[in-house]
PDB file of all heavy atoms in Angstrom:
ATOM      1  N   SER A   1      15.150  -0.483  10.614  1.00  0.00           N
ATOM      2  CA  SER A   1      14.067  -1.604  10.489  1.00  0.00           C
ATOM      3  C   SER A   1      13.619  -1.753   9.012  1.00  0.00           C
ATOM      4  O   SER A   1      13.897  -0.928   8.115  1.00  0.00           O
ATOM      5  CB  SER A   1      12.785  -1.074  11.265  1.00  0.00           C
ATOM      6  OG  SER A   1      11.721  -1.974  10.928  1.00  0.00           O
ATOM      7  N   ASP A   2      13.065  -2.984   8.895  1.00  0.00           N
ATOM      8  CA  ASP A   2      12.583  -3.402   7.436  1.00  0.00           C
ATOM      9  C   ASP A   2      11.048  -3.051   7.357  1.00  0.00           C
ATOM     10  O   ASP A   2      10.541  -3.776   6.690  1.00  0.00           O
ATOM     11  CB  ASP A   2      12.825  -4.821   7.218  1.00  0.00           C
ATOM     12  CG  ASP A   2      11.966  -5.778   8.051  1.00  0.00           C
ATOM     13  OD1 ASP A   2      11.707  -5.299   9.217  1.00  0.00           O
ATOM     14  OD2 ASP A   2      11.651  -6.872   7.735  1.00  0.00           O
ATOM     15  N   TRP A   3      10.610  -2.086   8.064  1.00  0.00           N
ATOM     16  CA  TRP A   3       9.123  -1.788   8.109  1.00  0.00           C
ATOM     17  C   TRP A   3       8.541  -1.352   6.704  1.00  0.00           C
ATOM     18  O   TRP A   3       7.364  -1.504   6.449  1.00  0.00           O
ATOM     19  CB  TRP A   3       8.836  -0.684   9.137  1.00  0.00           C
ATOM     20  CG  TRP A   3       9.444   0.659   8.577  1.00  0.00           C
ATOM     21  CD1 TRP A   3      10.707   1.159   8.866  1.00  0.00           C
ATOM     22  CD2 TRP A   3       8.838   1.523   7.717  1.00  0.00           C
ATOM     23  NE1 TRP A   3      10.859   2.382   8.226  1.00  0.00           N
ATOM     24  CE2 TRP A   3       9.664   2.627   7.562  1.00  0.00           C
ATOM     25  CE3 TRP A   3       7.512   1.693   7.324  1.00  0.00           C
ATOM     26  CZ2 TRP A   3       9.453   3.788   6.805  1.00  0.00           C
ATOM     27  CZ3 TRP A   3       7.204   2.841   6.425  1.00  0.00           C
ATOM     28  CH2 TRP A   3       8.240   3.897   6.257  1.00  0.00           C
ATOM     29  N   ASN A   4       9.360  -0.714   6.027  1.00  0.00           N
ATOM     30  CA  ASN A   4       8.874  -0.272   4.662  1.00  0.00           C
ATOM     31  C   ASN A   4       7.952  -1.131   3.786  1.00  0.00           C
ATOM     32  O   ASN A   4       8.557  -2.267   3.443  1.00  0.00           O
ATOM     33  CB  ASN A   4       9.975   0.410   3.726  1.00  0.00           C
ATOM     34  CG  ASN A   4       9.572   1.323   2.660  1.00  0.00           C
ATOM     35  OD1 ASN A   4       8.592   1.007   2.038  1.00  0.00           O
ATOM     36  ND2 ASN A   4      10.161   2.335   2.509  1.00  0.00           N
ATOM     37  N   PRO A   5       6.807  -0.852   3.436  1.00  0.00           N
ATOM     38  CA  PRO A   5       5.913  -1.822   2.676  1.00  0.00           C
ATOM     39  C   PRO A   5       6.547  -2.291   1.282  1.00  0.00           C
ATOM     40  O   PRO A   5       6.293  -3.334   0.848  1.00  0.00           O
ATOM     41  CB  PRO A   5       4.661  -1.058   2.465  1.00  0.00           C
ATOM     42  CG  PRO A   5       4.502   0.037   3.629  1.00  0.00           C
ATOM     43  CD  PRO A   5       5.954   0.283   3.808  1.00  0.00           C
ATOM     44  N   LEU A   6       7.333  -1.326   0.800  1.00  0.00           N
ATOM     45  CA  LEU A   6       8.013  -1.654  -0.475  1.00  0.00           C
ATOM     46  C   LEU A   6       8.843  -2.948  -0.406  1.00  0.00           C
ATOM     47  O   LEU A   6       9.089  -3.731  -1.396  1.00  0.00           O
ATOM     48  CB  LEU A   6       8.678  -0.518  -1.123  1.00  0.00           C
ATOM     49  CG  LEU A   6       8.025   0.563  -1.811  1.00  0.00           C
ATOM     50  CD1 LEU A   6       8.984   1.690  -2.267  1.00  0.00           C
ATOM     51  CD2 LEU A   6       7.293  -0.015  -3.137  1.00  0.00           C
ATOM     52  N   LEU A   7       9.539  -2.991   0.786  1.00  0.00           N
ATOM     53  CA  LEU A   7      10.452  -4.163   1.076  1.00  0.00           C
ATOM     54  C   LEU A   7       9.662  -5.508   1.125  1.00  0.00           C
ATOM     55  O   LEU A   7      10.247  -6.500   1.033  1.00  0.00           O
ATOM     56  CB  LEU A   7      11.151  -3.919   2.434  1.00  0.00           C
ATOM     57  CG  LEU A   7      12.177  -2.783   2.304  1.00  0.00           C
ATOM     58  CD1 LEU A   7      12.886  -2.668   3.721  1.00  0.00           C
ATOM     59  CD2 LEU A   7      13.127  -2.782   1.277  1.00  0.00           C
ATOM     60  N   LYS A   8       8.485  -5.447   1.359  1.00  0.00           N
ATOM     61  CA  LYS A   8       7.593  -6.605   1.483  1.00  0.00           C
ATOM     62  C   LYS A   8       7.084  -7.068   0.122  1.00  0.00           C
ATOM     63  O   LYS A   8       6.749  -8.346  -0.075  1.00  0.00           O
ATOM     64  CB  LYS A   8       6.342  -6.507   2.357  1.00  0.00           C
ATOM     65  CG  LYS A   8       6.666  -5.783   3.728  1.00  0.00           C
ATOM     66  CD  LYS A   8       7.660  -6.517   4.564  1.00  0.00           C
ATOM     67  CE  LYS A   8       7.893  -5.785   5.889  1.00  0.00           C
ATOM     68  NZ  LYS A   8       8.878  -6.441   6.726  1.00  0.00           N
ATOM     69  N   MET A   9       7.024  -6.233  -0.914  1.00  0.00           N
ATOM     70  CA  MET A   9       6.540  -6.455  -2.200  1.00  0.00           C
ATOM     71  C   MET A   9       7.751  -7.097  -3.074  1.00  0.00           C
ATOM     72  O   MET A   9       8.794  -6.525  -3.181  1.00  0.00           O
ATOM     73  CB  MET A   9       5.974  -5.287  -2.894  1.00  0.00           C
ATOM     74  CG  MET A   9       4.935  -4.495  -2.059  1.00  0.00           C
ATOM     75  SD  MET A   9       4.457  -3.042  -2.892  1.00  0.00           S
ATOM     76  CE  MET A   9       3.376  -2.216  -1.609  1.00  0.00           C
ATOM     77  N   PRO A  10       7.446  -8.259  -3.665  1.00  0.00           N
ATOM     78  CA  PRO A  10       8.467  -8.797  -4.595  1.00  0.00           C
ATOM     79  C   PRO A  10       9.141  -7.768  -5.548  1.00  0.00           C
ATOM     80  O   PRO A  10      10.296  -7.946  -5.736  1.00  0.00           O
ATOM     81  CB  PRO A  10       7.867  -9.959  -5.120  1.00  0.00           C
ATOM     82  CG  PRO A  10       6.855 -10.347  -4.172  1.00  0.00           C
ATOM     83  CD  PRO A  10       6.334  -9.159  -3.516  1.00  0.00           C
ATOM     84  N   ALA A  11       8.291  -6.997  -6.215  1.00  0.00           N
ATOM     85  CA  ALA A  11       8.811  -6.042  -7.109  1.00  0.00           C
ATOM     86  C   ALA A  11       9.241  -4.748  -6.433  1.00  0.00           C
ATOM     87  O   ALA A  11       9.812  -3.804  -7.287  1.00  0.00           O
ATOM     88  CB  ALA A  11       7.719  -5.728  -8.206  1.00  0.00           C
ATOM     89  N   GLY A  12       9.097  -4.522  -5.236  1.00  0.00           N
ATOM     90  CA  GLY A  12       9.438  -3.318  -4.530  1.00  0.00           C
ATOM     91  C   GLY A  12      10.836  -2.906  -4.532  1.00  0.00           C
ATOM     92  O   GLY A  12      11.183  -1.852  -4.388  1.00  0.00           O
ATOM     93  N   PHE A  13      11.791  -3.923  -4.780  1.00  0.00           N
ATOM     94  CA  PHE A  13      13.166  -3.728  -4.697  1.00  0.00           C
ATOM     95  C   PHE A  13      13.634  -2.992  -5.948  1.00  0.00           C
ATOM     96  O   PHE A  13      14.683  -2.260  -5.963  1.00  0.00           O
ATOM     97  CB  PHE A  13      14.036  -4.982  -4.506  1.00  0.00           C
ATOM     98  CG  PHE A  13      14.149  -5.752  -5.781  1.00  0.00           C
ATOM     99  CD1 PHE A  13      15.244  -5.723  -6.541  1.00  0.00           C
ATOM    100  CD2 PHE A  13      13.079  -6.607  -6.047  1.00  0.00           C
ATOM    101  CE1 PHE A  13      15.380  -6.557  -7.569  1.00  0.00           C
ATOM    102  CE2 PHE A  13      13.234  -7.428  -7.339  1.00  0.00           C
ATOM    103  CZ  PHE A  13      14.388  -7.350  -8.034  1.00  0.00           C
ATOM    104  N   ILE A  14      12.904  -3.056  -6.956  1.00  0.00           N
ATOM    105  CA  ILE A  14      13.384  -2.419  -8.187  1.00  0.00           C
ATOM    106  C   ILE A  14      13.542  -0.967  -8.201  1.00  0.00           C
ATOM    107  O   ILE A  14      14.671  -0.483  -8.559  1.00  0.00           O
ATOM    108  CB  ILE A  14      12.394  -2.932  -9.406  1.00  0.00           C
ATOM    109  CG1 ILE A  14      12.401  -4.397  -9.564  1.00  0.00           C
ATOM    110  CG2 ILE A  14      12.741  -2.227 -10.667  1.00  0.00           C
ATOM    111  CD1 ILE A  14      11.493  -4.963 -10.543  1.00  0.00           C
ATOM    112  N   PRO A  15      12.610  -0.213  -7.721  1.00  0.00           N
ATOM    113  CA  PRO A  15      12.883   1.262  -7.679  1.00  0.00           C
ATOM    114  C   PRO A  15      13.958   1.674  -6.642  1.00  0.00           C
ATOM    115  O   PRO A  15      14.326   2.822  -6.734  1.00  0.00           O
ATOM    116  CB  PRO A  15      11.533   1.818  -7.331  1.00  0.00           C
ATOM    117  CG  PRO A  15      10.787   0.755  -6.510  1.00  0.00           C
ATOM    118  CD  PRO A  15      11.217  -0.552  -7.257  1.00  0.00           C
ATOM    119  N   MET A  16      14.394   0.679  -5.869  1.00  0.00           N
ATOM    120  CA  MET A  16      15.325   1.024  -4.898  1.00  0.00           C
ATOM    121  C   MET A  16      16.873   0.774  -5.344  1.00  0.00           C
ATOM    122  O   MET A  16      17.827   1.194  -4.750  1.00  0.00           O
ATOM    123  CB  MET A  16      15.188   0.232  -3.630  1.00  0.00           C
ATOM    124  CG  MET A  16      13.859   0.588  -2.836  1.00  0.00           C
ATOM    125  SD  MET A  16      13.856  -0.221  -1.215  1.00  0.00           S
ATOM    126  CE  MET A  16      12.166   0.309  -0.756  1.00  0.00           C
ATOM    127  N   LEU A  17      16.960   0.171  -6.535  1.00  0.00           N
ATOM    128  CA  LEU A  17      18.241  -0.034  -7.050  1.00  0.00           C
ATOM    129  C   LEU A  17      19.165   0.991  -7.324  1.00  0.00           C
ATOM    130  O   LEU A  17      20.405   0.804  -7.251  1.00  0.00           O
ATOM    131  CB  LEU A  17      18.109  -0.939  -8.433  1.00  0.00           C
ATOM    132  CG  LEU A  17      17.439  -2.390  -8.158  1.00  0.00           C
ATOM    133  CD1 LEU A  17      17.279  -3.029  -9.602  1.00  0.00           C
ATOM    134  CD2 LEU A  17      18.259  -3.236  -7.294  1.00  0.00           C
ATOM    135  N   ASN A  18      18.612   2.152  -7.534  1.00  0.00           N
ATOM    136  CA  ASN A  18      19.460   3.355  -7.803  1.00  0.00           C
ATOM    137  C   ASN A  18      19.785   4.006  -6.482  1.00  0.00           C
ATOM    138  O   ASN A  18      20.572   5.060  -6.472  1.00  0.00           O
ATOM    139  CB  ASN A  18      18.783   4.334  -8.635  1.00  0.00           C
ATOM    140  CG  ASN A  18      18.661   3.894 -10.143  1.00  0.00           C
ATOM    141  OD1 ASN A  18      19.629   3.154 -10.612  1.00  0.00           O
ATOM    142  ND2 ASN A  18      17.659   4.195 -10.790  1.00  0.00           N
ATOM    143  N   GLY A  19      19.382   3.488  -5.416  1.00  0.00           N
ATOM    144  CA  GLY A  19      19.798   4.021  -4.049  1.00  0.00           C
ATOM    145  C   GLY A  19      18.631   4.274  -3.218  1.00  0.00           C
ATOM    146  O   GLY A  19      17.491   4.509  -3.587  1.00  0.00           O
ATOM    147  N   SER A  20      18.864   3.953  -1.891  1.00  0.00           N
ATOM    148  CA  SER A  20      17.724   4.025  -0.903  1.00  0.00           C
ATOM    149  C   SER A  20      18.389   4.055   0.509  1.00  0.00           C
ATOM    150  O   SER A  20      19.604   3.719   0.537  1.00  0.00           O
ATOM    151  CB  SER A  20      16.716   2.782  -1.036  1.00  0.00           C
ATOM    152  OG  SER A  20      17.284   1.687  -0.437  1.00  0.00           O
ATOM    153  N   PRO A  21      17.594   4.372   1.527  1.00  0.00           N
ATOM    154  CA  PRO A  21      18.254   4.208   2.852  1.00  0.00           C
ATOM    155  C   PRO A  21      18.688   2.859   3.327  1.00  0.00           C
ATOM    156  O   PRO A  21      19.218   2.564   4.257  1.00  0.00           O
ATOM    157  CB  PRO A  21      17.061   4.858   3.843  1.00  0.00           C
ATOM    158  CG  PRO A  21      16.188   5.512   2.947  1.00  0.00           C
ATOM    159  CD  PRO A  21      16.242   4.821   1.474  1.00  0.00           C
ATOM    160  N   TYR A  22      18.212   1.831   2.550  1.00  0.00           N
ATOM    161  CA  TYR A  22      18.379   0.378   2.873  1.00  0.00           C
ATOM    162  C   TYR A  22      19.523  -0.207   2.080  1.00  0.00           C
ATOM    163  O   TYR A  22      19.822  -1.415   2.217  1.00  0.00           O
ATOM    164  CB  TYR A  22      17.163  -0.441   2.575  1.00  0.00           C
ATOM    165  CG  TYR A  22      15.957   0.289   3.240  1.00  0.00           C
ATOM    166  CD1 TYR A  22      14.865   0.872   2.414  1.00  0.00           C
ATOM    167  CD2 TYR A  22      15.763   0.248   4.539  1.00  0.00           C
ATOM    168  CE1 TYR A  22      13.886   1.532   2.916  1.00  0.00           C
ATOM    169  CE2 TYR A  22      14.625   0.833   5.113  1.00  0.00           C
ATOM    170  CZ  TYR A  22      13.604   1.541   4.331  1.00  0.00           C
ATOM    171  OH  TYR A  22      12.647   2.108   4.845  1.00  0.00           O
ATOM    172  N   HIS A  23      20.338   0.762   1.415  1.00  0.00           N
ATOM    173  CA  HIS A  23      21.493   0.222   0.557  1.00  0.00           C
ATOM    174  C   HIS A  23      22.671   1.026   1.015  1.00  0.00           C
ATOM    175  O   HIS A  23      22.621   2.148   1.438  1.00  0.00           O
ATOM    176  CB  HIS A  23      21.268   0.391  -0.878  1.00  0.00           C
ATOM    177  CG  HIS A  23      20.255  -0.433  -1.577  1.00  0.00           C
ATOM    178  ND1 HIS A  23      18.886  -0.224  -1.287  1.00  0.00           N
ATOM    179  CD2 HIS A  23      20.341  -1.517  -2.340  1.00  0.00           C
ATOM    180  CE1 HIS A  23      18.215  -1.055  -2.013  1.00  0.00           C
ATOM    181  NE2 HIS A  23      19.092  -1.910  -2.610  1.00  0.00           N
ATOM    182  N   ARG A  24      23.868   0.454   0.812  1.00  0.00           N
ATOM    183  CA  ARG A  24      25.113   1.115   0.587  1.00  0.00           C
ATOM    184  C   ARG A  24      25.826   0.747  -0.542  1.00  0.00           C
ATOM    185  O   ARG A  24      25.633  -0.542  -0.909  1.00  0.00           O
ATOM    186  CB  ARG A  24      25.971   1.029   1.869  1.00  0.00           C
ATOM    187  CG  ARG A  24      26.391  -0.419   2.150  1.00  0.00           C
ATOM    188  CD  ARG A  24      27.741  -0.248   3.019  1.00  0.00           C
ATOM    189  NE  ARG A  24      27.418   0.340   4.325  1.00  0.00           N
ATOM    190  CZ  ARG A  24      27.116  -0.336   5.470  1.00  0.00           C
ATOM    191  NH1 ARG A  24      26.875  -1.541   5.349  1.00  0.00           N
ATOM    192  NH2 ARG A  24      26.852   0.334   6.577  1.00  0.00           N
ATOM    193  N   PHE A  25      26.537   1.551  -1.180  1.00  0.00           N
ATOM    194  CA  PHE A  25      27.120   1.182  -2.471  1.00  0.00           C
ATOM    195  C   PHE A  25      28.755   1.189  -2.340  1.00  0.00           C
ATOM    196  O   PHE A  25      29.384   2.117  -1.715  1.00  0.00           O
ATOM    197  CB  PHE A  25      26.773   1.888  -3.572  1.00  0.00           C
ATOM    198  CG  PHE A  25      25.337   1.691  -3.964  1.00  0.00           C
ATOM    199  CD1 PHE A  25      24.225   2.376  -3.543  1.00  0.00           C
ATOM    200  CD2 PHE A  25      25.251   0.881  -5.108  1.00  0.00           C
ATOM    201  CE1 PHE A  25      23.022   2.070  -3.769  1.00  0.00           C
ATOM    202  CE2 PHE A  25      23.813   0.599  -5.524  1.00  0.00           C
ATOM    203  CZ  PHE A  25      22.770   1.294  -4.855  1.00  0.00           C
ATOM    204  N   HIS A  26      29.422   0.165  -2.721  1.00  0.00           N
ATOM    205  CA  HIS A  26      30.860   0.078  -2.752  1.00  0.00           C
ATOM    206  C   HIS A  26      31.337   0.160  -4.092  1.00  0.00           C
ATOM    207  O   HIS A  26      30.855  -0.542  -4.940  1.00  0.00           O
ATOM    208  CB  HIS A  26      31.406  -1.172  -1.972  1.00  0.00           C
ATOM    209  CG  HIS A  26      30.806  -1.267  -0.569  1.00  0.00           C
ATOM    210  ND1 HIS A  26      31.461  -0.523   0.555  1.00  0.00           N
ATOM    211  CD2 HIS A  26      29.797  -1.993  -0.013  1.00  0.00           C
ATOM    212  CE1 HIS A  26      30.806  -0.893   1.578  1.00  0.00           C
ATOM    213  NE2 HIS A  26      29.885  -1.818   1.277  1.00  0.00           N
ATOM    214  N   LYS A  27      32.490   0.753  -4.332  1.00  0.00           N
ATOM    215  CA  LYS A  27      33.092   0.717  -5.729  1.00  0.00           C
ATOM    216  C   LYS A  27      34.182  -0.194  -5.787  1.00  0.00           C
ATOM    217  O   LYS A  27      35.169  -0.125  -4.815  1.00  0.00           O
ATOM    218  CB  LYS A  27      33.513   2.123  -6.111  1.00  0.00           C
ATOM    219  CG  LYS A  27      33.937   2.283  -7.511  1.00  0.00           C
ATOM    220  CD  LYS A  27      34.325   3.712  -7.908  1.00  0.00           C
ATOM    221  CE  LYS A  27      33.135   4.683  -7.902  1.00  0.00           C
ATOM    222  NZ  LYS A  27      32.260   4.366  -9.098  1.00  0.00           N
ATOM    223  N   SER A  28      34.365  -1.063  -6.663  1.00  0.00           N
ATOM    224  CA  SER A  28      35.385  -2.039  -6.782  1.00  0.00           C
ATOM    225  C   SER A  28      36.597  -1.273  -7.300  1.00  0.00           C
ATOM    226  O   SER A  28      36.671  -0.091  -7.693  1.00  0.00           O
ATOM    227  CB  SER A  28      35.062  -3.169  -7.857  1.00  0.00           C
ATOM    228  OG  SER A  28      35.098  -2.565  -9.066  1.00  0.00           O
ATOM    229  N   ILE A  29      37.830  -1.950  -7.183  1.00  0.00           N
ATOM    230  CA  ILE A  29      38.951  -1.384  -7.727  1.00  0.00           C
ATOM    231  C   ILE A  29      38.815  -1.531  -9.309  1.00  0.00           C
ATOM    232  O   ILE A  29      38.094  -2.384  -9.796  1.00  0.00           O
ATOM    233  CB  ILE A  29      40.309  -2.108  -7.314  1.00  0.00           C
ATOM    234  CG1 ILE A  29      40.286  -3.656  -7.539  1.00  0.00           C
ATOM    235  CG2 ILE A  29      40.410  -1.962  -5.745  1.00  0.00           C
ATOM    236  CD1 ILE A  29      41.417  -4.368  -7.340  1.00  0.00           C
ATOM    237  N   PRO A  30      39.589  -0.908 -10.089  1.00  0.00           N
ATOM    238  CA  PRO A  30      39.620  -1.038 -11.528  1.00  0.00           C
ATOM    239  C   PRO A  30      39.787  -2.441 -11.931  1.00  0.00           C
ATOM    240  O   PRO A  30      40.747  -3.134 -11.544  1.00  0.00           O
ATOM    241  CB  PRO A  30      40.693  -0.120 -12.034  1.00  0.00           C
ATOM    242  CG  PRO A  30      40.876   1.008 -11.081  1.00  0.00           C
ATOM    243  CD  PRO A  30      40.567   0.190  -9.755  1.00  0.00           C
ATOM    244  N   GLN A  31      38.984  -2.941 -12.871  1.00  0.00           N
ATOM    245  CA  GLN A  31      39.037  -4.387 -13.412  1.00  0.00           C
ATOM    246  C   GLN A  31      39.796  -4.463 -14.680  1.00  0.00           C
ATOM    247  O   GLN A  31      39.195  -3.999 -15.686  1.00  0.00           O
ATOM    248  CB  GLN A  31      37.706  -4.993 -13.420  1.00  0.00           C
ATOM    249  CG  GLN A  31      36.868  -4.897 -12.097  1.00  0.00           C
ATOM    250  CD  GLN A  31      37.416  -5.791 -10.986  1.00  0.00           C
ATOM    251  OE1 GLN A  31      37.677  -6.992 -11.246  1.00  0.00           O
ATOM    252  NE2 GLN A  31      37.807  -5.152  -9.969  1.00  0.00           N
ATOM    253  N   PRO A  32      40.943  -5.015 -14.703  1.00  0.00           N
ATOM    254  CA  PRO A  32      41.689  -5.110 -16.081  1.00  0.00           C
ATOM    255  C   PRO A  32      40.926  -5.810 -17.052  1.00  0.00           C
ATOM    256  O   PRO A  32      40.990  -5.398 -18.296  1.00  0.00           O
ATOM    257  CB  PRO A  32      42.938  -5.933 -15.669  1.00  0.00           C
ATOM    258  CG  PRO A  32      43.191  -5.673 -14.185  1.00  0.00           C
ATOM    259  CD  PRO A  32      41.724  -5.542 -13.606  1.00  0.00           C
ATOM    260  N   GLN A  33      40.251  -6.826 -16.771  1.00  0.00           N
ATOM    261  CA  GLN A  33      39.491  -7.548 -17.843  1.00  0.00           C
ATOM    262  C   GLN A  33      38.287  -6.859 -18.305  1.00  0.00           C
ATOM    263  O   GLN A  33      37.630  -7.252 -19.188  1.00  0.00           O
ATOM    264  CB  GLN A  33      39.108  -8.981 -17.226  1.00  0.00           C
ATOM    265  CG  GLN A  33      37.907  -8.936 -16.184  1.00  0.00           C
ATOM    266  CD  GLN A  33      38.405  -8.621 -14.768  1.00  0.00           C
ATOM    267  OE1 GLN A  33      39.448  -8.151 -14.523  1.00  0.00           O
ATOM    268  NE2 GLN A  33      37.570  -8.906 -13.791  1.00  0.00           N
ATOM    269  N   LEU A  34      37.891  -5.655 -17.706  1.00  0.00           N
ATOM    270  CA  LEU A  34      36.784  -4.891 -18.077  1.00  0.00           C
ATOM    271  C   LEU A  34      37.191  -3.411 -18.469  1.00  0.00           C
ATOM    272  O   LEU A  34      36.588  -2.559 -18.337  1.00  0.00           O
ATOM    273  CB  LEU A  34      35.767  -4.707 -16.962  1.00  0.00           C
ATOM    274  CG  LEU A  34      35.206  -6.006 -16.454  1.00  0.00           C
ATOM    275  CD1 LEU A  34      34.318  -5.810 -15.258  1.00  0.00           C
ATOM    276  CD2 LEU A  34      34.361  -6.740 -17.588  1.00  0.00           C
ATOM    277  N   ASN A  35      38.485  -3.500 -19.122  1.00  0.00           N
ATOM    278  CA  ASN A  35      38.998  -2.133 -19.605  1.00  0.00           C
ATOM    279  C   ASN A  35      39.060  -1.173 -18.408  1.00  0.00           C
ATOM    280  O   ASN A  35      38.884  -0.012 -18.595  1.00  0.00           O
ATOM    281  CB  ASN A  35      38.236  -1.621 -20.702  1.00  0.00           C
ATOM    282  CG  ASN A  35      38.333  -2.421 -21.980  1.00  0.00           C
ATOM    283  OD1 ASN A  35      39.334  -2.919 -22.313  1.00  0.00           O
ATOM    284  ND2 ASN A  35      37.279  -2.543 -22.642  1.00  0.00           N
ATOM    285  N   ASN A  36      39.470  -1.707 -17.179  1.00  0.00           N
ATOM    286  CA  ASN A  36      39.663  -0.877 -16.053  1.00  0.00           C
ATOM    287  C   ASN A  36      38.468  -0.191 -15.472  1.00  0.00           C
ATOM    288  O   ASN A  36      38.441   0.756 -14.821  1.00  0.00           O
ATOM    289  CB  ASN A  36      40.795   0.082 -16.256  1.00  0.00           C
ATOM    290  CG  ASN A  36      42.098  -0.511 -16.305  1.00  0.00           C
ATOM    291  OD1 ASN A  36      42.529  -1.565 -15.493  1.00  0.00           O
ATOM    292  ND2 ASN A  36      43.053  -0.057 -17.133  1.00  0.00           N
ATOM    293  N   ARG A  37      37.260  -0.775 -15.980  1.00  0.00           N
ATOM    294  CA  ARG A  37      36.031  -0.172 -15.360  1.00  0.00           C
ATOM    295  C   ARG A  37      35.910  -0.552 -13.989  1.00  0.00           C
ATOM    296  O   ARG A  37      36.393  -1.696 -13.624  1.00  0.00           O
ATOM    297  CB  ARG A  37      34.796  -0.654 -16.199  1.00  0.00           C
ATOM    298  CG  ARG A  37      34.740  -0.118 -17.571  1.00  0.00           C
ATOM    299  CD  ARG A  37      33.413  -0.192 -18.190  1.00  0.00           C
ATOM    300  NE  ARG A  37      32.902  -1.592 -18.146  1.00  0.00           N
ATOM    301  CZ  ARG A  37      33.036  -2.442 -19.098  1.00  0.00           C
ATOM    302  NH1 ARG A  37      33.748  -2.165 -20.203  1.00  0.00           N
ATOM    303  NH2 ARG A  37      32.442  -3.673 -18.996  1.00  0.00           N
ATOM    304  N   GLN A  38      35.138   0.162 -13.112  1.00  0.00           N
ATOM    305  CA  GLN A  38      34.906  -0.129 -11.724  1.00  0.00           C
ATOM    306  C   GLN A  38      33.401  -0.487 -11.648  1.00  0.00           C
ATOM    307  O   GLN A  38      32.435   0.156 -12.135  1.00  0.00           O
ATOM    308  CB  GLN A  38      35.188   1.099 -10.812  1.00  0.00           C
ATOM    309  CG  GLN A  38      36.790   1.341 -10.829  1.00  0.00           C
ATOM    310  CD  GLN A  38      36.996   2.499 -10.006  1.00  0.00           C
ATOM    311  OE1 GLN A  38      36.858   3.743 -10.420  1.00  0.00           O
ATOM    312  NE2 GLN A  38      37.373   2.305  -8.684  1.00  0.00           N
ATOM    313  N   HIS A  39      33.202  -1.499 -10.819  1.00  0.00           N
ATOM    314  CA  HIS A  39      31.785  -1.935 -10.480  1.00  0.00           C
ATOM    315  C   HIS A  39      31.189  -1.193  -9.235  1.00  0.00           C
ATOM    316  O   HIS A  39      31.973  -1.054  -8.190  1.00  0.00           O
ATOM    317  CB  HIS A  39      31.882  -3.442 -10.264  1.00  0.00           C
ATOM    318  CG  HIS A  39      31.498  -4.214 -11.420  1.00  0.00           C
ATOM    319  ND1 HIS A  39      30.513  -3.921 -12.312  1.00  0.00           N
ATOM    320  CD2 HIS A  39      32.117  -5.130 -12.090  1.00  0.00           C
ATOM    321  CE1 HIS A  39      30.464  -4.803 -13.310  1.00  0.00           C
ATOM    322  NE2 HIS A  39      31.436  -5.629 -13.255  1.00  0.00           N
ATOM    323  N   GLU A  40      29.915  -0.866  -9.316  1.00  0.00           N
ATOM    324  CA  GLU A  40      29.256  -0.423  -8.045  1.00  0.00           C
ATOM    325  C   GLU A  40      28.597  -1.714  -7.420  1.00  0.00           C
ATOM    326  O   GLU A  40      27.750  -2.319  -8.045  1.00  0.00           O
ATOM    327  CB  GLU A  40      28.178   0.591  -8.433  1.00  0.00           C
ATOM    328  CG  GLU A  40      28.688   1.965  -8.885  1.00  0.00           C
ATOM    329  CD  GLU A  40      29.000   2.822  -7.815  1.00  0.00           C
ATOM    330  OE1 GLU A  40      28.866   2.418  -6.570  1.00  0.00           O
ATOM    331  OE2 GLU A  40      29.637   3.936  -8.011  1.00  0.00           O
ATOM    332  N   ILE A  41      29.058  -2.053  -6.284  1.00  0.00           N
ATOM    333  CA  ILE A  41      28.412  -3.232  -5.566  1.00  0.00           C
ATOM    334  C   ILE A  41      27.569  -2.815  -4.519  1.00  0.00           C
ATOM    335  O   ILE A  41      27.935  -2.027  -3.417  1.00  0.00           O
ATOM    336  CB  ILE A  41      29.648  -4.051  -4.938  1.00  0.00           C
ATOM    337  CG1 ILE A  41      30.767  -4.174  -5.860  1.00  0.00           C
ATOM    338  CG2 ILE A  41      29.137  -5.232  -4.298  1.00  0.00           C
ATOM    339  CD1 ILE A  41      30.380  -5.151  -7.079  1.00  0.00           C
ATOM    340  N   ALA A  42      26.265  -3.076  -4.607  1.00  0.00           N
ATOM    341  CA  ALA A  42      25.237  -2.704  -3.633  1.00  0.00           C
ATOM    342  C   ALA A  42      25.264  -3.741  -2.432  1.00  0.00           C
ATOM    343  O   ALA A  42      25.365  -4.988  -2.632  1.00  0.00           O
ATOM    344  CB  ALA A  42      23.902  -2.676  -4.284  1.00  0.00           C
ATOM    345  N   GLN A  43      25.215  -3.241  -1.222  1.00  0.00           N
ATOM    346  CA  GLN A  43      24.987  -4.126  -0.066  1.00  0.00           C
ATOM    347  C   GLN A  43      23.945  -3.497   0.872  1.00  0.00           C
ATOM    348  O   GLN A  43      23.608  -2.242   0.675  1.00  0.00           O
ATOM    349  CB  GLN A  43      26.452  -4.012   0.800  1.00  0.00           C
ATOM    350  CG  GLN A  43      27.527  -4.714   0.019  1.00  0.00           C
ATOM    351  CD  GLN A  43      27.398  -6.193  -0.101  1.00  0.00           C
ATOM    352  OE1 GLN A  43      27.067  -6.923   0.937  1.00  0.00           O
ATOM    353  NE2 GLN A  43      27.641  -6.721  -1.268  1.00  0.00           N
TER     354      GLN A  43
END
């Protein structure tokens, strides 16, 4: 559920960017144009 009060606050998403029960993170394949760095993609 989206019950958490932080999800209702416009600035509430900021402290969750490093991880929360409401996210999952996917890692991209190495990107040649970024010196083969990989991106963390939050969903």
